[in-house]
C-alpha atoms as a PDB file:
ATOM      1  CA  UNK A   1      -0.186  -0.496  -0.560  1.00  0.00           C
ATOM      2  CA  UNK A   2       1.803   3.146  -1.041  1.00  0.00           C
ATOM      3  CA  UNK A   3       0.704   6.581   1.118  1.00  0.00           C
ATOM      4  CA  UNK A   4       0.176   9.416  -1.169  1.00  0.00           C
ATOM      5  CA  UNK A   5      -0.907  11.859   1.282  1.00  0.00           C
ATOM      6  CA  UNK A   6      -0.320  15.583   1.525  1.00  0.00           C
ATOM      7  CA  UNK A   7       1.698  17.825   3.925  1.00  0.00           C
ATOM      8  CA  UNK A   8       2.178  21.098   4.274  1.00  0.00           C
ATOM      9  CA  UNK A   9       5.142  22.373   4.499  1.00  0.00           C
ATOM     10  CA  UNK A  10       6.724  25.380   6.078  1.00  0.00           C
ATOM     11  CA  UNK A  11       7.763  28.255   3.416  1.00  0.00           C
ATOM     12  CA  UNK A  12      10.636  30.410   3.674  1.00  0.00           C
ATOM     13  CA  UNK A  13      10.368  34.011   3.527  1.00  0.00           C
ATOM     14  CA  UNK A  14      13.084  36.636   3.507  1.00  0.00           C
ATOM     15  CA  UNK A  15      12.073  40.664   4.598  1.00  0.00           C
ATOM     16  CA  UNK A  16      13.153  43.214   1.788  1.00  0.00           C
ATOM     17  CA  UNK A  17      16.711  43.900   2.531  1.00  0.00           C
ATOM     18  CA  UNK A  18      16.924  39.989   2.467  1.00  0.00           C
ATOM     19  CA  UNK A  19      15.693  40.087  -1.065  1.00  0.00           C
ATOM     20  CA  UNK A  20      17.755  42.815  -2.186  1.00  0.00           C
ATOM     21  CA  UNK A  21      21.038  41.045  -0.997  1.00  0.00           C
ATOM     22  CA  UNK A  22      19.970  38.279  -2.694  1.00  0.00           C
ATOM     23  CA  UNK A  23      18.930  39.909  -6.329  1.00  0.00           C
ATOM     24  CA  UNK A  24      22.835  41.546  -5.895  1.00  0.00           C
ATOM     25  CA  UNK A  25      24.226  37.732  -5.578  1.00  0.00           C
ATOM     26  CA  UNK A  26      25.570  38.280  -1.546  1.00  0.00           C
ATOM     27  CA  UNK A  27      24.024  37.001   1.399  1.00  0.00           C
ATOM     28  CA  UNK A  28      21.391  37.698   3.656  1.00  0.00           C
ATOM     29  CA  UNK A  29      23.339  35.255   6.803  1.00  0.00           C
ATOM     30  CA  UNK A  30      26.019  36.807   8.216  1.00  0.00           C
ATOM     31  CA  UNK A  31      30.070  35.331   8.338  1.00  0.00           C
ATOM     32  CA  UNK A  32      29.273  32.008   9.406  1.00  0.00           C
ATOM     33  CA  UNK A  33      26.596  30.633   7.551  1.00  0.00           C
ATOM     34  CA  UNK A  34      28.179  32.128   4.030  1.00  0.00           C
ATOM     35  CA  UNK A  35      29.528  28.949   3.410  1.00  0.00           C
ATOM     36  CA  UNK A  36      26.367  26.701   4.015  1.00  0.00           C
ATOM     37  CA  UNK A  37      24.411  29.447   2.164  1.00  0.00           C
ATOM     38  CA  UNK A  38      27.282  28.725  -0.769  1.00  0.00           C
ATOM     39  CA  UNK A  39      26.665  25.219  -0.670  1.00  0.00           C
ATOM     40  CA  UNK A  40      23.170  25.498  -1.146  1.00  0.00           C
ATOM     41  CA  UNK A  41      23.005  27.274  -4.309  1.00  0.00           C
ATOM     42  CA  UNK A  42      25.625  25.052  -5.191  1.00  0.00           C
ATOM     43  CA  UNK A  43      23.336  22.160  -4.488  1.00  0.00           C
ATOM     44  CA  UNK A  44      20.543  24.325  -5.983  1.00  0.00           C
ATOM     45  CA  UNK A  45      22.640  24.296  -9.367  1.00  0.00           C
ATOM     46  CA  UNK A  46      23.661  20.839  -9.755  1.00  0.00           C
ATOM     47  CA  UNK A  47      19.670  19.898  -8.760  1.00  0.00           C
ATOM     48  CA  UNK A  48      19.138  21.848 -12.354  1.00  0.00           C
ATOM     49  CA  UNK A  49      21.243  20.630 -14.207  1.00  0.00           C
ATOM     50  CA  UNK A  50      19.646  17.010 -13.771  1.00  0.00           C
ATOM     51  CA  UNK A  51      16.341  18.344 -14.599  1.00  0.00           C
END
């Protein structure tokens, strides 16, 4: 039996300042989180290439 139920997931919300930073190509998090942010971007890019 397969369970195909749909559940709600939390959505990421950025404020206006964070959106401006993202559009400028900068990270919206502090220096400590910059490496994690870059890793997530690389993962997203590799996923998009496979699709």
